[in-house]
Amino acid sequence: MRTPAVPRLSAAEFERAYLGKRAELWRGEVREYMPAGPKHGKVALNIGAEIRAYARRRNLGVAFAAETGFIVRTPDGESVLAPDAAFIRRERLPEGDLPAGFCPVVPDLVVEVVSPSDSEPAMREKVNEWLAGGVSVVWVVDPQRRIVEVWTADGLRLSIGENEWLTGEPVLPGFRVAVRELLE
């Protein structure tokens, strides 16, 4: 017996069918997910608030909260991903108002907070998808291990412990925050 083919969606089809629902589009395949727990939400807000405050004071660009959908195009397909926080530099933003639907501009910086239910391979897959789609820097914040991993488009990977400082180079020049503060 043959397994029926799963229909693949474009970003536009996904937006019409799933906007406002807890799901992401992975190369045409819909993946639904559960809401995050309170620790995850607290850490995501901590880092998003730091990015937003820093970027606003220096007029560097716009920070985005969790659940914002970004269209990510790679050679392997089109995805719509929703990071826990993101930032786009001012010069890369469209003129006028931001679009009502999913954002067609991939972020310069993406933050993913690891939940207890996230597997390491799934998180690596997401990091790789962001980088393949044009993101410059991905921060993977792991509250359980109390570290932040910094992934860059040029292949750099750093692991920063809770007693160290996270910096924003090259996307947020001069940005600096104690990892411990993000995890509180």
C-alpha atoms as a PDB file:
ATOM      1  CA  MET A   1       0.000   0.000   0.000  1.00  0.00           C
ATOM      2  CA  ARG A   2       1.356   3.433  -0.926  1.00  0.00           C
ATOM      3  CA  THR A   3       1.548   6.258   1.593  1.00  0.00           C
ATOM      4  CA  PRO A   4      -0.350   9.293   0.318  1.00  0.00           C
ATOM      5  CA  ALA A   5       1.871  12.227  -0.660  1.00  0.00           C
ATOM      6  CA  VAL A   6       1.872  15.111   1.784  1.00  0.00           C
ATOM      7  CA  PRO A   7       1.047  18.352  -0.029  1.00  0.00           C
ATOM      8  CA  ARG A   8       3.859  20.908   0.018  1.00  0.00           C
ATOM      9  CA  LEU A   9       2.942  24.544   0.573  1.00  0.00           C
ATOM     10  CA  SER A  10       4.521  27.780  -0.582  1.00  0.00           C
ATOM     11  CA  ALA A  11       5.039  30.573   1.947  1.00  0.00           C
ATOM     12  CA  ALA A  12       1.971  32.370   0.545  1.00  0.00           C
ATOM     13  CA  GLU A  13      -0.232  29.249   0.868  1.00  0.00           C
ATOM     14  CA  PHE A  14       1.074  28.643   4.376  1.00  0.00           C
ATOM     15  CA  GLU A  15       0.300  32.246   5.354  1.00  0.00           C
ATOM     16  CA  ARG A  16      -3.297  31.965   4.133  1.00  0.00           C
ATOM     17  CA  ALA A  17      -3.882  28.680   5.964  1.00  0.00           C
ATOM     18  CA  TYR A  18      -1.817  29.064   9.145  1.00  0.00           C
ATOM     19  CA  LEU A  19      -1.302  32.762  10.002  1.00  0.00           C
ATOM     20  CA  GLY A  20      -1.791  33.131  13.753  1.00  0.00           C
ATOM     21  CA  LYS A  21      -1.393  29.405  14.474  1.00  0.00           C
ATOM     22  CA  ARG A  22       1.550  27.721  16.183  1.00  0.00           C
ATOM     23  CA  ALA A  23       3.313  26.243  13.189  1.00  0.00           C
ATOM     24  CA  GLU A  24       6.333  26.726  10.956  1.00  0.00           C
ATOM     25  CA  LEU A  25       6.861  25.847   7.314  1.00  0.00           C
ATOM     26  CA  TRP A  26       9.932  23.710   6.662  1.00  0.00           C
ATOM     27  CA  ARG A  27      10.718  23.540   2.954  1.00  0.00           C
ATOM     28  CA  GLY A  28       7.033  23.245   2.146  1.00  0.00           C
ATOM     29  CA  GLU A  29       6.109  20.936   5.040  1.00  0.00           C
ATOM     30  CA  VAL A  30       3.997  22.247   7.949  1.00  0.00           C
ATOM     31  CA  ARG A  31       5.310  21.520  11.438  1.00  0.00           C
ATOM     32  CA  GLU A  32       2.995  22.386  14.298  1.00  0.00           C
ATOM     33  CA  TYR A  33       4.396  22.942  17.789  1.00  0.00           C
ATOM     34  CA  MET A  34       3.327  23.457  21.364  1.00  0.00           C
ATOM     35  CA  PRO A  35       3.566  26.755  23.241  1.00  0.00           C
ATOM     36  CA  ALA A  36       6.744  27.246  25.283  1.00  0.00           C
ATOM     37  CA  GLY A  37       6.977  26.925  29.050  1.00  0.00           C
ATOM     38  CA  PRO A  38       7.433  29.835  31.474  1.00  0.00           C
ATOM     39  CA  LYS A  39      11.239  29.574  31.807  1.00  0.00           C
ATOM     40  CA  HIS A  40      11.616  29.572  28.032  1.00  0.00           C
ATOM     41  CA  GLY A  41       9.344  32.599  27.733  1.00  0.00           C
ATOM     42  CA  LYS A  42      11.179  34.501  30.456  1.00  0.00           C
ATOM     43  CA  VAL A  43      14.604  33.919  28.889  1.00  0.00           C
ATOM     44  CA  ALA A  44      13.297  34.816  25.400  1.00  0.00           C
ATOM     45  CA  LEU A  45      11.851  38.073  26.759  1.00  0.00           C
ATOM     46  CA  ASN A  46      15.067  38.884  28.636  1.00  0.00           C
ATOM     47  CA  ILE A  47      17.194  38.686  25.522  1.00  0.00           C
ATOM     48  CA  GLY A  48      14.612  40.278  23.232  1.00  0.00           C
ATOM     49  CA  ALA A  49      14.271  43.240  25.604  1.00  0.00           C
ATOM     50  CA  GLU A  50      18.056  43.712  25.735  1.00  0.00           C
ATOM     51  CA  ILE A  51      18.318  43.663  21.934  1.00  0.00           C
ATOM     52  CA  ARG A  52      15.367  46.046  21.508  1.00  0.00           C
ATOM     53  CA  ALA A  53      16.612  48.566  24.075  1.00  0.00           C
ATOM     54  CA  TYR A  54      20.122  48.606  22.626  1.00  0.00           C
ATOM     55  CA  ALA A  55      18.966  48.880  19.003  1.00  0.00           C
ATOM     56  CA  ARG A  56      16.448  51.658  19.768  1.00  0.00           C
ATOM     57  CA  ARG A  57      18.940  53.798  21.704  1.00  0.00           C
ATOM     58  CA  ARG A  58      21.332  53.683  18.750  1.00  0.00           C
ATOM     59  CA  ASN A  59      18.741  53.657  15.926  1.00  0.00           C
ATOM     60  CA  LEU A  60      20.304  50.469  14.544  1.00  0.00           C
ATOM     61  CA  GLY A  61      17.157  48.703  13.372  1.00  0.00           C
ATOM     62  CA  VAL A  62      14.141  46.764  14.614  1.00  0.00           C
ATOM     63  CA  ALA A  63      13.895  43.915  17.117  1.00  0.00           C
ATOM     64  CA  PHE A  64      11.136  41.319  16.757  1.00  0.00           C
ATOM     65  CA  ALA A  65       9.430  39.196  19.402  1.00  0.00           C
ATOM     66  CA  ALA A  66       8.798  35.473  19.403  1.00  0.00           C
ATOM     67  CA  GLU A  67       6.267  34.111  16.920  1.00  0.00           C
ATOM     68  CA  THR A  68       7.199  36.566  14.152  1.00  0.00           C
ATOM     69  CA  GLY A  69       7.260  34.592  10.911  1.00  0.00           C
ATOM     70  CA  PHE A  70      10.166  35.172   8.525  1.00  0.00           C
ATOM     71  CA  ILE A  71      10.307  33.761   5.003  1.00  0.00           C
ATOM     72  CA  VAL A  72      13.586  31.878   4.593  1.00  0.00           C
ATOM     73  CA  ARG A  73      14.619  30.795   1.106  1.00  0.00           C
ATOM     74  CA  THR A  74      17.403  28.251   0.635  1.00  0.00           C
ATOM     75  CA  PRO A  75      18.446  26.052  -2.300  1.00  0.00           C
ATOM     76  CA  ASP A  76      16.484  23.253  -0.573  1.00  0.00           C
ATOM     77  CA  GLY A  77      13.184  25.162  -0.495  1.00  0.00           C
ATOM     78  CA  GLU A  78      11.123  27.861   1.135  1.00  0.00           C
ATOM     79  CA  SER A  79      10.441  27.943   4.860  1.00  0.00           C
ATOM     80  CA  VAL A  80       8.631  30.227   7.288  1.00  0.00           C
ATOM     81  CA  LEU A  81      10.383  30.149  10.654  1.00  0.00           C
ATOM     82  CA  ALA A  82       9.575  31.908  13.919  1.00  0.00           C
ATOM     83  CA  PRO A  83      12.561  32.546  16.211  1.00  0.00           C
ATOM     84  CA  ASP A  84      12.328  33.491  19.887  1.00  0.00           C
ATOM     85  CA  ALA A  85      13.757  36.939  19.067  1.00  0.00           C
ATOM     86  CA  ALA A  86      15.251  38.559  15.984  1.00  0.00           C
ATOM     87  CA  PHE A  87      16.820  41.779  14.746  1.00  0.00           C
ATOM     88  CA  ILE A  88      17.030  43.427  11.312  1.00  0.00           C
ATOM     89  CA  ARG A  89      19.434  46.302  10.645  1.00  0.00           C
ATOM     90  CA  ARG A  90      17.772  49.592   9.677  1.00  0.00           C
ATOM     91  CA  GLU A  91      19.322  49.737   6.197  1.00  0.00           C
ATOM     92  CA  ARG A  92      17.796  46.344   5.303  1.00  0.00           C
ATOM     93  CA  LEU A  93      14.243  47.220   6.322  1.00  0.00           C
ATOM     94  CA  PRO A  94      11.679  48.076   3.641  1.00  0.00           C
ATOM     95  CA  GLU A  95      10.589  51.701   3.276  1.00  0.00           C
ATOM     96  CA  GLY A  96       7.359  52.568   5.089  1.00  0.00           C
ATOM     97  CA  ASP A  97       5.374  50.138   7.188  1.00  0.00           C
ATOM     98  CA  LEU A  98       6.362  46.534   7.726  1.00  0.00           C
ATOM     99  CA  PRO A  99       4.232  43.989   5.826  1.00  0.00           C
ATOM    100  CA  ALA A 100       1.063  42.642   7.449  1.00  0.00           C
ATOM    101  CA  GLY A 101       1.976  39.001   6.735  1.00  0.00           C
ATOM    102  CA  PHE A 102       5.214  37.115   7.137  1.00  0.00           C
ATOM    103  CA  CYS A 103       8.380  39.181   6.876  1.00  0.00           C
ATOM    104  CA  PRO A 104      10.128  38.734   3.518  1.00  0.00           C
ATOM    105  CA  VAL A 105      13.452  40.029   4.923  1.00  0.00           C
ATOM    106  CA  VAL A 106      15.492  37.441   6.836  1.00  0.00           C
ATOM    107  CA  PRO A 107      16.881  38.760  10.107  1.00  0.00           C
ATOM    108  CA  ASP A 108      20.517  39.697  10.623  1.00  0.00           C
ATOM    109  CA  LEU A 109      20.403  38.140  14.101  1.00  0.00           C
ATOM    110  CA  VAL A 110      18.210  35.260  15.276  1.00  0.00           C
ATOM    111  CA  VAL A 111      17.797  34.019  18.846  1.00  0.00           C
ATOM    112  CA  GLU A 112      16.594  30.482  19.544  1.00  0.00           C
ATOM    113  CA  VAL A 113      15.960  29.467  23.169  1.00  0.00           C
ATOM    114  CA  VAL A 114      16.290  25.726  23.791  1.00  0.00           C
ATOM    115  CA  SER A 115      13.302  24.088  25.484  1.00  0.00           C
ATOM    116  CA  PRO A 116      13.656  20.832  27.440  1.00  0.00           C
ATOM    117  CA  SER A 117      11.742  19.084  24.632  1.00  0.00           C
ATOM    118  CA  ASP A 118      14.088  20.341  21.858  1.00  0.00           C
ATOM    119  CA  SER A 119      16.512  17.757  20.544  1.00  0.00           C
ATOM    120  CA  GLU A 120      20.044  18.780  19.657  1.00  0.00           C
ATOM    121  CA  PRO A 121      19.694  17.561  16.040  1.00  0.00           C
ATOM    122  CA  ALA A 122      16.467  19.563  15.585  1.00  0.00           C
ATOM    123  CA  MET A 123      18.111  22.708  16.969  1.00  0.00           C
ATOM    124  CA  ARG A 124      21.145  22.239  14.699  1.00  0.00           C
ATOM    125  CA  GLU A 125      18.800  21.785  11.735  1.00  0.00           C
ATOM    126  CA  LYS A 126      17.104  25.080  12.575  1.00  0.00           C
ATOM    127  CA  VAL A 127      20.419  26.921  13.001  1.00  0.00           C
ATOM    128  CA  ASN A 128      21.622  25.582   9.647  1.00  0.00           C
ATOM    129  CA  GLU A 129      18.378  26.614   7.947  1.00  0.00           C
ATOM    130  CA  TRP A 130      18.684  30.166   9.289  1.00  0.00           C
ATOM    131  CA  LEU A 131      22.311  30.456   8.185  1.00  0.00           C
ATOM    132  CA  ALA A 132      21.624  28.938   4.735  1.00  0.00           C
ATOM    133  CA  GLY A 133      18.798  31.480   4.326  1.00  0.00           C
ATOM    134  CA  GLY A 134      21.090  34.473   4.865  1.00  0.00           C
ATOM    135  CA  VAL A 135      21.090  35.151   8.618  1.00  0.00           C
ATOM    136  CA  SER A 136      24.460  36.518   9.773  1.00  0.00           C
ATOM    137  CA  VAL A 137      24.399  35.362  13.414  1.00  0.00           C
ATOM    138  CA  VAL A 138      22.316  32.852  15.398  1.00  0.00           C
ATOM    139  CA  TRP A 139      22.384  32.784  19.190  1.00  0.00           C
ATOM    140  CA  VAL A 140      21.221  29.500  20.719  1.00  0.00           C
ATOM    141  CA  VAL A 141      20.409  30.176  24.369  1.00  0.00           C
ATOM    142  CA  ASP A 142      20.339  27.008  26.471  1.00  0.00           C
ATOM    143  CA  PRO A 143      18.913  27.666  29.963  1.00  0.00           C
ATOM    144  CA  GLN A 144      19.474  24.047  31.058  1.00  0.00           C
ATOM    145  CA  ARG A 145      23.202  24.040  30.205  1.00  0.00           C
ATOM    146  CA  ARG A 146      23.471  27.762  31.098  1.00  0.00           C
ATOM    147  CA  ILE A 147      25.298  28.699  27.910  1.00  0.00           C
ATOM    148  CA  VAL A 148      24.813  30.652  24.708  1.00  0.00           C
ATOM    149  CA  GLU A 149      26.158  29.214  21.470  1.00  0.00           C
ATOM    150  CA  VAL A 150      27.029  31.768  18.800  1.00  0.00           C
ATOM    151  CA  TRP A 151      26.810  30.535  15.203  1.00  0.00           C
ATOM    152  CA  THR A 152      27.866  32.712  12.265  1.00  0.00           C
ATOM    153  CA  ALA A 153      27.460  32.466   8.508  1.00  0.00           C
ATOM    154  CA  ASP A 154      31.223  32.083   8.080  1.00  0.00           C
ATOM    155  CA  GLY A 155      31.232  28.906  10.184  1.00  0.00           C
ATOM    156  CA  LEU A 156      32.298  30.318  13.560  1.00  0.00           C
ATOM    157  CA  ARG A 157      30.803  28.589  16.592  1.00  0.00           C
ATOM    158  CA  LEU A 158      31.467  29.819  20.116  1.00  0.00           C
ATOM    159  CA  SER A 159      30.117  28.564  23.415  1.00  0.00           C
ATOM    160  CA  ILE A 160      29.754  31.289  26.058  1.00  0.00           C
ATOM    161  CA  GLY A 161      29.162  30.322  29.680  1.00  0.00           C
ATOM    162  CA  GLU A 162      26.974  32.003  32.282  1.00  0.00           C
ATOM    163  CA  ASN A 163      29.939  33.880  33.799  1.00  0.00           C
ATOM    164  CA  GLU A 164      30.908  35.420  30.461  1.00  0.00           C
ATOM    165  CA  TRP A 165      29.673  38.264  28.255  1.00  0.00           C
ATOM    166  CA  LEU A 166      27.690  37.910  25.054  1.00  0.00           C
ATOM    167  CA  THR A 167      28.576  40.511  22.418  1.00  0.00           C
ATOM    168  CA  GLY A 168      26.678  41.544  19.307  1.00  0.00           C
ATOM    169  CA  GLU A 169      29.456  41.874  16.751  1.00  0.00           C
ATOM    170  CA  PRO A 170      29.120  42.276  13.812  1.00  0.00           C
ATOM    171  CA  VAL A 171      25.333  42.819  13.800  1.00  0.00           C
ATOM    172  CA  LEU A 172      24.969  44.911  16.979  1.00  0.00           C
ATOM    173  CA  PRO A 173      28.288  46.758  17.332  1.00  0.00           C
ATOM    174  CA  GLY A 174      29.121  47.485  20.976  1.00  0.00           C
ATOM    175  CA  PHE A 175      26.295  45.319  22.380  1.00  0.00           C
ATOM    176  CA  ARG A 176      27.354  43.476  25.519  1.00  0.00           C
ATOM    177  CA  VAL A 177      25.321  41.610  28.137  1.00  0.00           C
ATOM    178  CA  ALA A 178      26.183  39.111  30.869  1.00  0.00           C
ATOM    179  CA  VAL A 179      24.872  35.647  29.988  1.00  0.00           C
ATOM    180  CA  ARG A 180      23.833  35.214  33.639  1.00  0.00           C
ATOM    181  CA  GLU A 181      21.437  38.179  33.292  1.00  0.00           C
ATOM    182  CA  LEU A 182      19.746  36.579  30.287  1.00  0.00           C
ATOM    183  CA  LEU A 183      19.190  33.328  32.203  1.00  0.00           C
ATOM    184  CA  GLU A 184      17.713  34.914  35.355  1.00  0.00           C
END
